[in-house]
Amino acid sequence: MREQLKSKGPELLTDLADHVALTLIQSCRLDQEAARQAAQAVAVHMADHWGGQSIYFPMGLARRISERDSLIRQEFTGNNHGDLARKYGVSLQWIYKIVKATDKIGIAS
């Protein structure tokens, strides 16, 4: 796949195509050739759509943090603040804040 896009675009497009193909193979169980063709089409489409622009890809930390906070709330038993703080690598005070915030918006275990 790299060889086919290398001469047609920057390394970012080949990397994008590689990651899309891998994701299609792993998540959608597509065969390698179908995944490669779809990934190449995605890379070409992105080049046509966003070509020439500087694009910033966020790391998705807010989504990951909210998933973590939801897990913390689900595992919270009422008296395991310290255990959860150690398990998730956050402070005891942060566990209290998560429990309070999730209770306020209706996320309960």
C-alpha atoms as a PDB file:
ATOM      1  CA  MET A   1       0.000   0.000   0.000  1.00  0.00           C
ATOM      2  CA  ARG A   2       2.792   2.422   0.837  1.00  0.00           C
ATOM      3  CA  GLU A   3       4.319   1.914  -2.597  1.00  0.00           C
ATOM      4  CA  GLN A   4       1.089   2.827  -4.392  1.00  0.00           C
ATOM      5  CA  LEU A   5       0.527   6.115  -2.549  1.00  0.00           C
ATOM      6  CA  LYS A   6       4.153   7.109  -1.955  1.00  0.00           C
ATOM      7  CA  SER A   7       4.598   8.694  -5.356  1.00  0.00           C
ATOM      8  CA  LYS A   8       1.130  10.270  -5.255  1.00  0.00           C
ATOM      9  CA  GLY A   9       1.199  11.963  -1.913  1.00  0.00           C
ATOM     10  CA  PRO A  10       2.959  12.737   1.307  1.00  0.00           C
ATOM     11  CA  GLU A  11       3.830  10.156   3.877  1.00  0.00           C
ATOM     12  CA  LEU A  12       0.838  11.233   5.971  1.00  0.00           C
ATOM     13  CA  LEU A  13      -1.511   9.775   3.356  1.00  0.00           C
ATOM     14  CA  THR A  14       0.293   6.452   3.273  1.00  0.00           C
ATOM     15  CA  ASP A  15       0.259   6.317   7.057  1.00  0.00           C
ATOM     16  CA  LEU A  16      -3.459   7.144   7.058  1.00  0.00           C
ATOM     17  CA  ALA A  17      -4.125   4.387   4.524  1.00  0.00           C
ATOM     18  CA  ASP A  18      -2.115   1.887   6.563  1.00  0.00           C
ATOM     19  CA  HIS A  19      -4.009   2.707   9.760  1.00  0.00           C
ATOM     20  CA  VAL A  20      -7.400   2.645   8.066  1.00  0.00           C
ATOM     21  CA  ALA A  21      -6.614  -0.727   6.486  1.00  0.00           C
ATOM     22  CA  LEU A  22      -5.467  -2.169   9.804  1.00  0.00           C
ATOM     23  CA  THR A  23      -8.595  -0.880  11.537  1.00  0.00           C
ATOM     24  CA  LEU A  24     -10.848  -2.333   8.837  1.00  0.00           C
ATOM     25  CA  ILE A  25      -9.117  -5.691   9.115  1.00  0.00           C
ATOM     26  CA  GLN A  26      -9.250  -5.789  12.906  1.00  0.00           C
ATOM     27  CA  SER A  27     -12.605  -4.130  13.598  1.00  0.00           C
ATOM     28  CA  CYS A  28     -14.658  -5.036  10.545  1.00  0.00           C
ATOM     29  CA  ARG A  29     -12.899  -8.296   9.707  1.00  0.00           C
ATOM     30  CA  LEU A  30     -12.401  -7.212   6.095  1.00  0.00           C
ATOM     31  CA  ASP A  31      -9.976  -9.227   4.047  1.00  0.00           C
ATOM     32  CA  GLN A  32      -6.645  -7.535   3.372  1.00  0.00           C
ATOM     33  CA  GLU A  33      -7.297  -6.637  -0.258  1.00  0.00           C
ATOM     34  CA  ALA A  34     -10.718  -5.093   0.419  1.00  0.00           C
ATOM     35  CA  ALA A  35      -9.291  -3.211   3.415  1.00  0.00           C
ATOM     36  CA  ARG A  36      -6.368  -1.960   1.328  1.00  0.00           C
ATOM     37  CA  GLN A  37      -8.653  -0.702  -1.427  1.00  0.00           C
ATOM     38  CA  ALA A  38     -11.024   1.003   1.006  1.00  0.00           C
ATOM     39  CA  ALA A  39      -8.131   2.556   2.929  1.00  0.00           C
ATOM     40  CA  GLN A  40      -6.572   3.884  -0.238  1.00  0.00           C
ATOM     41  CA  ALA A  41      -9.940   5.400  -1.228  1.00  0.00           C
ATOM     42  CA  VAL A  42     -10.187   7.070   2.199  1.00  0.00           C
ATOM     43  CA  ALA A  43      -6.683   8.532   1.876  1.00  0.00           C
ATOM     44  CA  VAL A  44      -7.423   9.882  -1.613  1.00  0.00           C
ATOM     45  CA  HIS A  45     -10.743  11.313  -0.425  1.00  0.00           C
ATOM     46  CA  MET A  46      -9.077  13.046   2.536  1.00  0.00           C
ATOM     47  CA  ALA A  47      -6.405  14.484   0.255  1.00  0.00           C
ATOM     48  CA  ASP A  48      -9.109  15.826  -2.072  1.00  0.00           C
ATOM     49  CA  HIS A  49     -11.228  17.124   0.779  1.00  0.00           C
ATOM     50  CA  TRP A  50      -8.587  18.530   3.142  1.00  0.00           C
ATOM     51  CA  GLY A  51      -5.568  18.792   0.870  1.00  0.00           C
ATOM     52  CA  GLY A  52      -3.413  21.845   1.518  1.00  0.00           C
ATOM     53  CA  GLN A  53      -4.854  22.501   4.969  1.00  0.00           C
ATOM     54  CA  SER A  54      -3.104  22.179   8.291  1.00  0.00           C
ATOM     55  CA  ILE A  55      -5.162  19.704  10.257  1.00  0.00           C
ATOM     56  CA  TYR A  56      -4.939  19.225  14.008  1.00  0.00           C
ATOM     57  CA  PHE A  57      -5.919  15.813  15.366  1.00  0.00           C
ATOM     58  CA  PRO A  58      -6.963  16.004  19.015  1.00  0.00           C
ATOM     59  CA  MET A  59      -5.793  13.158  21.201  1.00  0.00           C
ATOM     60  CA  GLY A  60      -9.316  12.445  22.438  1.00  0.00           C
ATOM     61  CA  LEU A  61      -8.361  12.907  26.065  1.00  0.00           C
ATOM     62  CA  ALA A  62     -11.780  14.284  27.042  1.00  0.00           C
ATOM     63  CA  ARG A  63     -13.486  11.171  25.684  1.00  0.00           C
ATOM     64  CA  ARG A  64     -10.998   8.879  27.401  1.00  0.00           C
ATOM     65  CA  ILE A  65     -11.326  10.780  30.666  1.00  0.00           C
ATOM     66  CA  SER A  66     -15.107  10.622  30.614  1.00  0.00           C
ATOM     67  CA  GLU A  67     -14.900   6.873  29.914  1.00  0.00           C
ATOM     68  CA  ARG A  68     -12.533   6.564  32.866  1.00  0.00           C
ATOM     69  CA  ASP A  69     -14.815   8.644  35.074  1.00  0.00           C
ATOM     70  CA  SER A  70     -17.780   6.494  34.106  1.00  0.00           C
ATOM     71  CA  LEU A  71     -15.828   3.348  35.004  1.00  0.00           C
ATOM     72  CA  ILE A  72     -14.813   4.881  38.320  1.00  0.00           C
ATOM     73  CA  ARG A  73     -18.447   5.675  39.119  1.00  0.00           C
ATOM     74  CA  GLN A  74     -19.547   2.173  38.139  1.00  0.00           C
ATOM     75  CA  GLU A  75     -16.910   0.642  40.424  1.00  0.00           C
ATOM     76  CA  PHE A  76     -17.614   3.015  43.302  1.00  0.00           C
ATOM     77  CA  THR A  77     -19.167   1.184  46.248  1.00  0.00           C
ATOM     78  CA  GLY A  78     -19.397   4.032  48.714  1.00  0.00           C
ATOM     79  CA  ASN A  79     -16.258   3.239  50.640  1.00  0.00           C
ATOM     80  CA  ASN A  80     -13.572   2.401  48.071  1.00  0.00           C
ATOM     81  CA  HIS A  81     -12.326   5.916  47.282  1.00  0.00           C
ATOM     82  CA  GLY A  82      -8.712   5.025  48.063  1.00  0.00           C
ATOM     83  CA  ASP A  83      -8.736   1.811  46.050  1.00  0.00           C
ATOM     84  CA  LEU A  84     -10.118   3.618  42.999  1.00  0.00           C
ATOM     85  CA  ALA A  85      -7.599   6.448  43.340  1.00  0.00           C
ATOM     86  CA  ARG A  86      -4.739   3.934  43.313  1.00  0.00           C
ATOM     87  CA  LYS A  87      -6.229   1.858  40.503  1.00  0.00           C
ATOM     88  CA  TYR A  88      -6.776   4.839  38.177  1.00  0.00           C
ATOM     89  CA  GLY A  89      -3.753   6.891  39.233  1.00  0.00           C
ATOM     90  CA  VAL A  90      -5.680   9.915  40.437  1.00  0.00           C
ATOM     91  CA  SER A  91      -5.914  11.663  43.778  1.00  0.00           C
ATOM     92  CA  LEU A  92      -8.427  10.801  46.459  1.00  0.00           C
ATOM     93  CA  GLN A  93      -9.910  14.270  46.060  1.00  0.00           C
ATOM     94  CA  TRP A  94     -10.359  13.622  42.343  1.00  0.00           C
ATOM     95  CA  ILE A  95     -12.366  10.462  43.102  1.00  0.00           C
ATOM     96  CA  TYR A  96     -14.641  12.512  45.365  1.00  0.00           C
ATOM     97  CA  LYS A  97     -15.099  15.089  42.575  1.00  0.00           C
ATOM     98  CA  ILE A  98     -15.876  12.393  39.994  1.00  0.00           C
ATOM     99  CA  VAL A  99     -18.445  10.736  42.256  1.00  0.00           C
ATOM    100  CA  LYS A 100     -20.066  14.073  43.065  1.00  0.00           C
ATOM    101  CA  ALA A 101     -20.103  15.212  39.420  1.00  0.00           C
ATOM    102  CA  THR A 102     -21.447  11.928  38.065  1.00  0.00           C
ATOM    103  CA  ASP A 103     -24.140  11.833  40.762  1.00  0.00           C
ATOM    104  CA  LYS A 104     -25.143  15.369  39.792  1.00  0.00           C
ATOM    105  CA  ILE A 105     -25.647  14.428  36.127  1.00  0.00           C
ATOM    106  CA  GLY A 106     -27.269  11.114  36.924  1.00  0.00           C
ATOM    107  CA  ILE A 107     -24.490   8.625  36.216  1.00  0.00           C
ATOM    108  CA  ALA A 108     -24.713   6.028  38.926  1.00  0.00           C
ATOM    109  CA  SER A 109     -23.451   2.528  39.379  1.00  0.00           C
END
